[in-house]
Protein backbone atom coordinates (compact mmCIF):
# COMPACT_ATOMS: atom_id res chain seq x y z
CA UNK A 1 61.79 84.91 -111.28
CA UNK A 2 58.51 85.34 -109.41
CA UNK A 3 55.81 84.12 -112.79
CA UNK A 4 57.95 81.11 -113.61
CA UNK A 5 59.38 79.83 -110.15
CA UNK A 6 63.03 80.02 -111.75
CA UNK A 7 66.14 81.13 -110.14
CA UNK A 8 69.31 82.75 -111.81
CA UNK A 9 72.42 80.03 -111.04
CA UNK A 10 75.74 80.31 -112.72
CA UNK A 11 77.33 77.32 -114.39
CA UNK A 12 80.08 75.37 -112.38
CA UNK A 13 83.32 75.56 -114.19
CA UNK A 14 85.71 72.85 -115.19
CA UNK A 15 88.69 73.70 -116.52
CA UNK A 16 88.32 70.32 -119.34
CA UNK A 17 85.41 68.73 -120.92
CA UNK A 18 86.42 65.37 -122.22
CA UNK A 19 85.53 64.02 -125.58
CA UNK A 20 83.05 60.85 -125.83
CA UNK A 21 86.43 59.52 -126.89
CA UNK A 22 88.46 60.37 -123.79
CA UNK A 23 85.84 59.43 -121.28
CA UNK A 24 85.45 56.00 -123.47
CA UNK A 25 89.56 55.54 -123.55
CA UNK A 26 89.18 56.56 -119.48
CA UNK A 27 86.73 53.28 -118.77
CA UNK A 28 88.88 51.43 -120.14
CA UNK A 29 91.90 52.43 -118.70
CA UNK A 30 90.08 51.72 -115.17
CA UNK A 31 89.47 48.21 -116.62
CA UNK A 32 92.83 46.97 -117.52
CA UNK A 33 93.92 48.34 -113.64
CA UNK A 34 90.87 46.50 -112.45
CA UNK A 35 92.30 43.20 -114.33
CA UNK A 36 96.21 43.48 -113.90
CA UNK A 37 95.05 44.31 -110.03
CA UNK A 38 94.57 40.24 -110.39
CA UNK A 39 98.62 39.66 -110.38
CA UNK A 40 99.44 40.60 -106.36
CA UNK A 41 102.81 41.78 -107.30
CA UNK A 42 101.17 44.67 -109.48
CA UNK A 43 101.44 48.11 -107.81
CA UNK A 44 105.55 46.95 -107.25
CA UNK A 45 106.21 45.90 -111.18
CA UNK A 46 105.30 49.43 -112.62
CA UNK A 47 107.63 51.34 -113.57
CA UNK A 48 106.31 54.85 -114.69
CA UNK A 49 108.10 57.52 -116.72
CA UNK A 50 107.36 61.26 -116.90
CA UNK A 51 109.55 64.32 -118.27
CA UNK A 52 110.13 68.06 -117.64
CA UNK A 53 111.48 71.25 -119.30
CA UNK A 54 114.92 71.83 -117.86
CA UNK A 55 116.61 75.05 -118.33
CA UNK A 56 120.53 75.27 -119.25
CA UNK A 57 122.03 77.67 -116.58
CA UNK A 58 125.66 78.08 -115.34
CA UNK A 59 124.58 79.62 -111.45
CA UNK A 60 127.14 80.57 -109.65
CA UNK A 61 127.12 80.74 -105.50
CA UNK A 62 128.31 83.81 -102.97
CA UNK A 63 130.82 81.66 -102.04
CA UNK A 64 132.25 81.05 -105.62
CA UNK A 65 131.90 84.90 -106.51
CA UNK A 66 134.33 85.73 -103.41
CA UNK A 67 137.41 87.96 -103.20
CA UNK A 68 139.78 89.11 -100.96
CA UNK A 69 139.38 92.96 -101.20
CA UNK A 70 140.23 95.51 -98.54
CA UNK A 71 137.96 97.16 -95.56
CA UNK A 72 138.18 100.26 -97.97
CA UNK A 73 137.19 98.73 -101.30
CA UNK A 74 132.98 98.08 -102.66
CA UNK A 75 131.38 95.68 -102.17
CA UNK A 76 130.99 93.24 -105.29
CA UNK A 77 127.50 92.52 -106.99
CA UNK A 78 125.99 89.67 -108.35
CA UNK A 79 123.82 89.34 -111.12
CA UNK A 80 120.59 87.65 -110.67
CA UNK A 81 120.00 84.50 -112.93
CA UNK A 82 117.90 84.19 -115.59
CA UNK A 83 116.52 81.23 -117.46
CA UNK A 84 118.79 79.85 -120.57
CA UNK A 85 116.88 79.94 -124.06
CA UNK A 86 118.49 76.21 -123.86
CA UNK A 87 116.48 73.96 -122.55
CA UNK A 88 116.18 70.13 -122.41
CA UNK A 89 113.69 67.17 -121.22
CA UNK A 90 114.34 65.44 -118.21
CA UNK A 91 112.50 61.80 -119.30
CA UNK A 92 112.88 60.07 -115.68
CA UNK A 93 111.63 56.06 -115.37
CA UNK A 94 111.19 54.98 -111.49
CA UNK A 95 109.40 52.25 -109.89
CA UNK A 96 108.63 51.47 -106.57
CA UNK A 97 111.86 51.49 -105.00
CA UNK A 98 112.95 54.53 -106.92
CA UNK A 99 114.72 56.08 -110.08
CA UNK A 100 115.83 53.36 -112.23
CA UNK A 101 117.44 55.26 -115.39
CA UNK A 102 116.88 59.19 -116.00
CA UNK A 103 118.29 61.01 -118.97
CA UNK A 104 118.07 64.50 -120.97
CA UNK A 105 116.91 63.74 -124.29
CA UNK A 106 114.83 65.46 -127.52
CA UNK A 107 111.91 63.89 -128.80
CA UNK A 108 113.84 61.64 -131.61
CA UNK A 109 115.98 59.82 -129.04
CA UNK A 110 113.38 58.37 -126.77
CA UNK A 111 113.38 55.05 -128.70
CA UNK A 112 117.05 55.06 -127.76
CA UNK A 113 116.08 56.27 -123.81
CA UNK A 114 114.20 52.99 -123.95
CA UNK A 115 117.11 50.98 -125.46
CA UNK A 116 119.33 52.23 -122.40
CA UNK A 117 116.63 52.24 -119.92
CA UNK A 118 116.14 47.94 -120.91
CA UNK A 119 119.46 47.60 -120.45
CA UNK A 120 119.54 49.29 -117.07
CA UNK A 121 116.63 47.38 -116.26
CA UNK A 122 118.74 44.36 -116.75
CA UNK A 123 121.27 44.94 -114.83
CA UNK A 124 119.83 46.82 -111.75
CA UNK A 125 115.98 45.12 -111.28
CA UNK A 126 117.45 41.65 -112.95
CA UNK A 127 113.36 40.68 -111.66
CA UNK A 128 112.41 42.41 -114.42
CA UNK A 129 113.82 41.33 -117.20
CA UNK A 130 111.41 38.12 -117.39
CA UNK A 131 108.54 38.71 -120.26
CA UNK A 132 105.84 40.21 -119.05
CA UNK A 133 107.19 40.58 -115.69
CA UNK A 134 106.54 44.83 -115.13
CA UNK A 135 104.53 47.47 -116.55
CA UNK A 136 105.55 50.80 -118.27
CA UNK A 137 102.73 53.73 -117.45
CA UNK A 138 103.78 57.01 -119.82
CA UNK A 139 102.18 59.47 -121.17
CA UNK A 140 100.05 59.61 -124.55
CA UNK A 141 102.32 61.68 -125.99
CA UNK A 142 103.25 61.64 -129.75
CA UNK A 143 106.64 59.82 -129.24
CA UNK A 144 105.40 57.54 -127.19
CA UNK A 145 103.18 56.22 -129.86
CA UNK A 146 105.13 55.99 -132.36
CA UNK A 147 105.71 53.43 -134.74
CA UNK A 148 109.39 52.16 -133.48
CA UNK A 149 108.46 52.59 -129.76
CA UNK A 150 105.54 50.59 -130.23
CA UNK A 151 107.29 47.24 -132.26
CA UNK A 152 110.57 48.27 -129.61
CA UNK A 153 107.46 47.69 -126.22
CA UNK A 154 106.22 44.40 -128.75
CA UNK A 155 109.53 42.95 -129.30
CA UNK A 156 110.79 42.76 -125.15
CA UNK A 157 106.99 42.19 -124.43
CA UNK A 158 106.53 44.89 -121.93
CA UNK A 159 103.17 45.37 -121.21
CA UNK A 160 102.13 49.30 -121.36
CA UNK A 161 99.45 50.58 -118.91
CA UNK A 162 97.30 53.07 -121.15
CA UNK A 163 97.53 56.81 -119.47
CA UNK A 164 93.98 58.54 -120.04
CA UNK A 165 94.09 61.66 -121.38
CA UNK A 166 93.92 64.87 -119.48
CA UNK A 167 94.81 62.71 -115.88
CA UNK A 168 97.47 65.45 -113.98
CA UNK A 169 96.35 63.04 -110.64
CA UNK A 170 98.28 59.83 -112.27
CA UNK A 171 101.44 61.84 -113.12
CA UNK A 172 103.07 61.66 -109.37
CA UNK A 173 106.27 62.95 -110.36
CA UNK A 174 105.15 66.36 -110.81
CA UNK A 175 104.11 66.35 -107.08
CA UNK A 176 107.31 64.76 -105.60
CA UNK A 177 110.27 64.13 -107.57
CA UNK A 178 111.14 66.75 -110.18
CA UNK A 179 111.08 69.86 -107.77
CA UNK A 180 113.96 67.58 -105.57
CA UNK A 181 115.41 67.17 -108.80
């Protein structure tokens, strides 16, 4: 330290280092958003999708387990509920006005969930039924990038906003929606 004039510094912790391709995708995403923002109604025309795993369980409340007993009888016991090994994925589509469509799906049924979303959008948000009138923001999961899903979205003329890799800040459901569900 005295001879070379250097000091020891600990490196800063970074949760995830992005590759050059991932950085390029983030720049492209920012350019897409900047271009799309020229539309005055841009933020109100985004339909976002997010999913979460839900465990199957059959909870009973204290009131449901209540029994008639005499003062001399022992108090009943209620066992603490444990998570089930059976789980399903909850997929939720929402926009600035609220939830449009939600359902429990598996990966192989994502295309059918999009088809049901399309029917529901035409019914509850008729302003989105015109071609290129809304933007779909969903993750870059393999089921979202499947050829059948991409063909369906192209056939219905749905604009897809690309989700940059490792961006939890762009998924607000995790913070406000799923805890309420």
